[in-house]
Amino acid sequence: MRQFFFASVLACAAVFAAPVRAVEISIIVNEPSNEFWFEEGELAKRYARKLGYDVRVFAHSGDLTTETALLQRAVESGSAAILLDPAHLENSASAVDEVVARGVPVFVLNAKLNSASVTAQFLSDNEACGRLAAQQFVTEMQGAGTFVQLDGPDSDLNSQLRRQGFESVLPEYPKLQRLKAMSAGWDRQTAFRKVSALLETGAHFDGVLSANDTMALGAIDALANYDRAQFVIIGGFDGTFEAQERITRGDMSYTIAQPLEQITQNAVDMMDRLLKGEELPKVEAPFLFPCHVIGGGATG
């Protein structure tokens, strides 16, 4: 009897001493070679781990098939929730709706998704931020000169909204002439090739208004090959670390910083509240966050 008692005590002690497995969540971002998207994943991961979660980070790189496979993988691996920067406004919705129907909540970061099934969406106010970018560009250009505009993909909602922001400001300054507007797909090498091709024609311009930092850096690379970088106003968008370094070095005029830390922390906080059993109110509209200027004489 005594042996049985001690054996029972030891068994109970082993149960209570066994480590409790952390709740797993999945974070799915776009293209990690882009500094903004990489940092988005890293910030969300660090904050979620600080709250005690086991975190897995994946990237769909803008591919819908990959995104669908990663969403399914997250469910099958036992993820309790998913943070997603969606590949497409409309076309990502069906895969997300299927995941939510299987009992896994989805929280959207950075890019809007037309799905009523997601718990909440956390985004920069891209149109307002686009207006801020255009106003800063006008200031840097002193309201006159020729410029090239680098946009994101035509199908990307954030690109559309930033362009709308640009268009709501720039026509007020007739002495500021747009030489060319072209999409460089958020990509540095694409921007480098397109700006280089323009320079090869002998085109002269005084400024580059870019809808993200990555394309702005590609423009700087192209201009440097023609010893023109120091003579051209370069405006970016995102507030990446490299852009800030280039501003300090004088290669870039300013960047419009998205509040990425605030966006990711708010998303992780709400996810944490839900997973801990707190009842959340249904949120119909995305949470929108303002941007701010870094560089160009701004203090941030």
Protein backbone atom coordinates (compact mmCIF):
# COMPACT_ATOMS: atom_id res chain seq x y z
CA MET A 1 0.00 0.00 0.00
CA ARG A 2 2.81 2.38 0.92
CA GLN A 3 4.56 1.64 -2.40
CA PHE A 4 1.35 2.32 -4.29
CA PHE A 5 0.91 5.62 -2.41
CA PHE A 6 4.42 6.84 -3.22
CA ALA A 7 4.08 5.71 -6.83
CA SER A 8 0.85 7.72 -7.12
CA VAL A 9 2.50 10.79 -5.60
CA LEU A 10 5.43 10.53 -8.01
CA ALA A 11 3.08 10.13 -10.98
CA CYS A 12 1.09 13.22 -9.97
CA ALA A 13 4.30 15.18 -9.48
CA ALA A 14 5.47 14.20 -12.96
CA VAL A 15 2.18 15.40 -14.45
CA PHE A 16 2.36 18.75 -12.70
CA ALA A 17 6.06 19.14 -13.56
CA ALA A 18 5.48 18.50 -17.29
CA PRO A 19 5.92 21.69 -19.32
CA VAL A 20 2.76 23.23 -20.72
CA ARG A 21 2.96 23.48 -24.49
CA ALA A 22 2.63 27.06 -25.77
CA VAL A 23 -0.33 27.90 -27.98
CA GLU A 24 0.76 28.06 -31.62
CA ILE A 25 -0.11 30.89 -33.99
CA SER A 26 0.88 31.43 -37.63
CA ILE A 27 1.95 34.68 -39.27
CA ILE A 28 1.77 34.82 -43.07
CA VAL A 29 3.36 37.83 -44.79
CA ASN A 30 4.00 38.76 -48.40
CA GLU A 31 7.60 38.89 -49.73
CA PRO A 32 10.32 38.75 -47.03
CA SER A 33 13.00 40.10 -49.38
CA ASN A 34 11.09 43.38 -49.10
CA GLU A 35 12.25 45.01 -45.85
CA PHE A 36 8.78 46.26 -44.92
CA TRP A 37 7.14 42.84 -45.14
CA PHE A 38 10.09 41.16 -43.42
CA GLU A 39 9.89 43.60 -40.51
CA GLU A 40 6.11 43.15 -40.34
CA GLY A 41 6.62 39.43 -39.69
CA GLU A 42 9.46 40.01 -37.23
CA LEU A 43 7.56 42.57 -35.17
CA ALA A 44 4.46 40.39 -34.93
CA LYS A 45 6.58 37.36 -34.05
CA ARG A 46 8.53 39.15 -31.31
CA TYR A 47 5.44 40.60 -29.70
CA ALA A 48 3.49 37.33 -29.84
CA ARG A 49 6.41 35.42 -28.34
CA LYS A 50 6.62 37.96 -25.56
CA LEU A 51 3.01 37.07 -24.77
CA GLY A 52 3.96 33.40 -24.59
CA TYR A 53 2.91 32.06 -28.01
CA ASP A 54 4.74 29.57 -30.19
CA VAL A 55 5.05 31.45 -33.48
CA ARG A 56 5.53 30.22 -37.04
CA VAL A 57 6.20 32.75 -39.82
CA PHE A 58 5.59 32.02 -43.53
CA ALA A 59 5.55 34.03 -46.77
CA HIS A 60 3.25 33.68 -49.79
CA SER A 61 5.20 36.19 -51.96
CA GLY A 62 1.99 37.41 -53.54
CA ASP A 63 1.06 33.98 -54.92
CA LEU A 64 -2.53 32.92 -54.23
CA THR A 65 -1.82 29.19 -54.52
CA THR A 66 0.99 29.44 -52.00
CA GLU A 67 -1.18 31.56 -49.71
CA THR A 68 -3.98 28.97 -49.78
CA ALA A 69 -1.53 26.15 -49.04
CA LEU A 70 -0.01 28.08 -46.13
CA LEU A 71 -3.43 28.83 -44.65
CA GLN A 72 -4.36 25.15 -44.83
CA ARG A 73 -0.99 24.16 -43.35
CA ALA A 74 -1.54 26.54 -40.42
CA VAL A 75 -4.89 24.90 -39.64
CA GLU A 76 -3.54 21.37 -39.99
CA SER A 77 -0.54 22.11 -37.75
CA GLY A 78 -2.86 23.23 -34.97
CA SER A 79 -2.46 27.01 -35.10
CA ALA A 80 -4.99 28.67 -32.81
CA ALA A 81 -5.05 31.89 -34.88
CA ILE A 82 -3.53 33.40 -38.02
CA LEU A 83 -2.15 36.87 -38.70
CA LEU A 84 -2.27 37.46 -42.47
CA ASP A 85 -1.03 40.11 -44.88
CA PRO A 86 -3.25 38.97 -47.77
CA ALA A 87 -2.08 38.51 -51.34
CA HIS A 88 -5.21 40.04 -52.90
CA LEU A 89 -8.15 42.19 -51.88
CA GLU A 90 -10.76 39.85 -53.39
CA ASN A 91 -9.10 36.60 -54.41
CA SER A 92 -7.69 35.75 -50.98
CA ALA A 93 -11.13 35.83 -49.38
CA SER A 94 -12.36 32.31 -50.19
CA ALA A 95 -9.30 30.60 -48.68
CA VAL A 96 -9.58 32.78 -45.57
CA ASP A 97 -13.31 32.11 -45.23
CA GLU A 98 -12.63 28.36 -45.36
CA VAL A 99 -10.05 28.66 -42.58
CA VAL A 100 -12.42 30.66 -40.37
CA ALA A 101 -15.19 28.12 -41.05
CA ARG A 102 -12.85 25.47 -39.62
CA GLY A 103 -12.66 27.43 -36.38
CA VAL A 104 -9.39 29.35 -36.77
CA PRO A 105 -9.72 33.15 -36.44
CA VAL A 106 -7.85 35.35 -38.92
CA PHE A 107 -6.53 38.86 -38.26
CA VAL A 108 -5.52 40.94 -41.28
CA LEU A 109 -2.43 43.18 -41.40
CA ASN A 110 -1.41 45.96 -43.80
CA ALA A 111 -3.54 45.11 -46.87
CA LYS A 112 -7.33 45.14 -46.84
CA LEU A 113 -9.27 41.94 -47.48
CA ASN A 114 -12.90 41.87 -48.63
CA SER A 115 -14.05 39.16 -46.24
CA ALA A 116 -16.69 39.44 -43.52
CA SER A 117 -15.31 36.39 -41.74
CA VAL A 118 -12.06 37.93 -40.45
CA THR A 119 -12.04 39.08 -36.84
CA ALA A 120 -10.42 42.47 -37.51
CA GLN A 121 -8.17 44.33 -39.97
CA PHE A 122 -5.31 46.68 -39.07
CA LEU A 123 -4.06 49.00 -41.83
CA SER A 124 -2.37 52.30 -42.53
CA ASP A 125 -4.76 54.94 -43.89
CA ASN A 126 -3.14 54.66 -47.30
CA GLU A 127 -5.07 57.41 -49.07
CA ALA A 128 -4.37 59.93 -46.29
CA CYS A 129 -0.76 58.77 -46.18
CA GLY A 130 -0.58 59.24 -49.96
CA ARG A 131 -1.75 62.83 -49.54
CA LEU A 132 0.91 63.36 -46.90
CA ALA A 133 3.55 61.95 -49.27
CA ALA A 134 2.45 64.23 -52.09
CA GLN A 135 2.42 67.30 -49.84
CA GLN A 136 5.93 66.50 -48.63
CA PHE A 137 7.09 65.97 -52.22
CA VAL A 138 5.67 69.34 -53.24
CA THR A 139 7.54 70.97 -50.35
CA GLU A 140 10.83 69.28 -51.28
CA MET A 141 10.38 70.24 -54.96
CA GLN A 142 9.38 73.79 -53.98
CA GLY A 143 6.27 73.39 -56.09
CA ALA A 144 8.01 73.18 -59.47
CA GLY A 145 10.01 70.87 -61.72
CA THR A 146 9.60 67.59 -63.56
CA PHE A 147 9.27 64.25 -61.83
CA VAL A 148 8.80 60.52 -62.29
CA GLN A 149 6.16 58.66 -60.29
CA LEU A 150 6.73 55.03 -59.28
CA ASP A 151 3.53 53.18 -58.36
CA GLY A 152 2.86 49.72 -56.99
CA PRO A 153 0.91 47.09 -58.96
CA ASP A 154 -2.23 48.42 -60.60
CA SER A 155 -4.26 45.62 -59.00
CA ASP A 156 -3.01 46.34 -55.47
CA LEU A 157 -5.48 48.31 -53.33
CA ASN A 158 -2.76 50.01 -51.28
CA SER A 159 -1.14 51.16 -54.53
CA GLN A 160 -4.48 52.49 -55.78
CA LEU A 161 -5.14 54.36 -52.53
CA ARG A 162 -1.69 55.94 -52.41
CA ARG A 163 -2.05 57.01 -56.03
CA GLN A 164 -5.44 58.56 -55.20
CA GLY A 165 -3.73 60.44 -52.39
CA PHE A 166 -1.08 61.69 -54.82
CA GLU A 167 -3.73 62.75 -57.34
CA SER A 168 -5.72 64.71 -54.76
CA VAL A 169 -2.72 67.00 -54.15
CA LEU A 170 -0.46 67.22 -57.21
CA PRO A 171 -2.91 68.86 -59.68
CA GLU A 172 -2.97 71.91 -57.42
CA TYR A 173 0.63 72.64 -58.49
CA PRO A 174 0.71 73.23 -62.27
CA LYS A 175 4.44 74.03 -62.22
CA LEU A 176 5.10 70.49 -61.02
CA GLN A 177 5.04 68.40 -64.18
CA ARG A 178 4.90 64.61 -64.17
CA LEU A 179 7.20 63.28 -66.88
CA LYS A 180 6.09 59.68 -66.47
CA ALA A 181 4.09 57.48 -64.09
CA MET A 182 4.89 53.76 -64.14
CA SER A 183 4.32 50.70 -62.02
CA ALA A 184 7.43 48.98 -60.67
CA GLY A 185 5.53 46.34 -58.71
CA TRP A 186 6.91 47.35 -55.27
CA ASP A 187 10.21 45.86 -56.51
CA ARG A 188 13.71 47.38 -56.34
CA GLN A 189 15.12 45.68 -59.43
CA THR A 190 12.06 46.52 -61.50
CA ALA A 191 12.34 50.17 -60.47
CA PHE A 192 16.06 50.12 -61.26
CA ARG A 193 15.43 48.74 -64.76
CA LYS A 194 12.58 51.14 -65.55
CA VAL A 195 14.35 54.26 -64.29
CA SER A 196 17.56 53.17 -66.06
CA ALA A 197 15.65 52.73 -69.32
CA LEU A 198 14.22 56.22 -68.93
CA LEU A 199 17.64 57.70 -68.26
CA GLU A 200 19.04 55.95 -71.33
CA THR A 201 16.64 57.98 -73.48
CA GLY A 202 18.26 61.17 -72.16
CA ALA A 203 15.23 62.11 -70.07
CA HIS A 204 15.84 64.75 -67.42
CA PHE A 205 13.80 64.99 -64.24
CA ASP A 206 14.18 66.72 -60.90
CA GLY A 207 12.34 64.33 -58.61
CA VAL A 208 11.06 60.79 -58.04
CA LEU A 209 7.83 60.27 -56.12
CA SER A 210 7.74 56.61 -55.08
CA ALA A 211 4.86 54.69 -53.51
CA ASN A 212 7.27 52.58 -51.45
CA ASP A 213 10.86 52.72 -50.23
CA THR A 214 11.98 49.65 -52.15
CA MET A 215 11.20 51.25 -55.52
CA ALA A 216 12.74 54.54 -54.36
CA LEU A 217 15.97 52.68 -53.58
CA GLY A 218 15.91 51.14 -57.05
CA ALA A 219 15.60 54.64 -58.52
CA ILE A 220 18.57 55.80 -56.42
CA ASP A 221 20.63 52.86 -57.73
CA ALA A 222 19.77 53.79 -61.32
CA LEU A 223 20.50 57.49 -60.85
CA ALA A 224 23.82 56.70 -59.19
CA ASN A 225 24.96 54.96 -62.39
CA TYR A 226 24.47 58.27 -64.19
CA ASP A 227 25.95 60.40 -61.39
CA ARG A 228 22.57 62.05 -61.02
CA ALA A 229 21.41 60.83 -57.60
CA GLN A 230 22.62 63.92 -55.72
CA PHE A 231 20.65 66.22 -58.04
CA VAL A 232 17.26 64.50 -57.81
CA ILE A 233 14.70 64.72 -54.98
CA ILE A 234 13.74 61.17 -53.94
CA GLY A 235 10.64 60.56 -51.86
CA GLY A 236 9.78 57.12 -50.47
CA PHE A 237 7.02 55.47 -48.49
CA ASP A 238 7.15 52.89 -45.64
CA GLY A 239 9.82 54.18 -43.26
CA THR A 240 12.18 51.21 -43.70
CA PHE A 241 15.54 51.13 -41.94
CA GLU A 242 17.51 51.36 -45.20
CA ALA A 243 15.47 54.35 -46.33
CA GLN A 244 16.20 56.10 -43.04
CA GLU A 245 19.90 55.35 -43.44
CA ARG A 246 19.83 56.77 -46.97
CA ILE A 247 18.12 59.91 -45.69
CA THR A 248 20.89 60.33 -43.11
CA ARG A 249 23.51 59.90 -45.84
CA GLY A 250 21.75 62.42 -48.07
CA ASP A 251 20.82 59.94 -50.82
CA MET A 252 17.10 60.24 -50.16
CA SER A 253 14.96 63.22 -49.20
CA TYR A 254 12.23 61.69 -47.02
CA THR A 255 10.05 58.67 -46.42
CA ILE A 256 6.47 58.37 -45.22
CA ALA A 257 6.61 56.03 -42.24
CA GLN A 258 3.80 53.58 -41.67
CA PRO A 259 3.22 52.83 -37.96
CA LEU A 260 4.08 49.16 -38.42
CA GLU A 261 4.87 48.50 -34.76
CA GLN A 262 1.54 49.99 -33.70
CA ILE A 263 -0.35 48.02 -36.35
CA THR A 264 1.23 44.67 -35.43
CA GLN A 265 0.92 45.19 -31.67
CA ASN A 266 -2.76 46.07 -31.94
CA ALA A 267 -3.41 42.98 -34.06
CA VAL A 268 -1.50 40.66 -31.69
CA ASP A 269 -3.19 42.21 -28.65
CA MET A 270 -6.65 41.58 -30.07
CA MET A 271 -5.69 38.05 -31.05
CA ASP A 272 -4.40 37.46 -27.51
CA ARG A 273 -7.65 38.72 -25.98
CA LEU A 274 -9.69 36.40 -28.19
CA LEU A 275 -7.55 33.35 -27.46
CA LYS A 276 -7.79 34.03 -23.73
CA GLY A 277 -11.55 33.81 -23.96
CA GLU A 278 -12.51 37.48 -24.04
CA GLU A 279 -15.59 38.21 -26.10
CA LEU A 280 -14.78 40.79 -28.76
CA PRO A 281 -17.27 43.10 -30.47
CA LYS A 282 -17.74 42.50 -34.19
CA VAL A 283 -15.72 45.09 -36.09
CA GLU A 284 -17.00 45.88 -39.59
CA ALA A 285 -14.47 48.50 -40.75
CA PRO A 286 -10.66 48.20 -40.67
CA PHE A 287 -8.70 49.99 -37.98
CA LEU A 288 -6.84 52.75 -39.86
CA PHE A 289 -3.58 54.26 -38.61
CA PRO A 290 -1.96 57.58 -39.66
CA CYS A 291 1.55 57.91 -41.11
CA HIS A 292 4.27 60.47 -40.43
CA VAL A 293 7.21 62.00 -42.30
CA ILE A 294 10.83 61.05 -41.69
CA GLY A 295 13.44 63.32 -43.25
CA GLY A 296 12.89 66.44 -45.31
CA GLY A 297 13.43 68.61 -42.25
CA ALA A 298 10.73 66.67 -40.32
CA THR A 299 11.50 65.39 -36.86
CA GLY A 300 9.18 62.38 -37.24
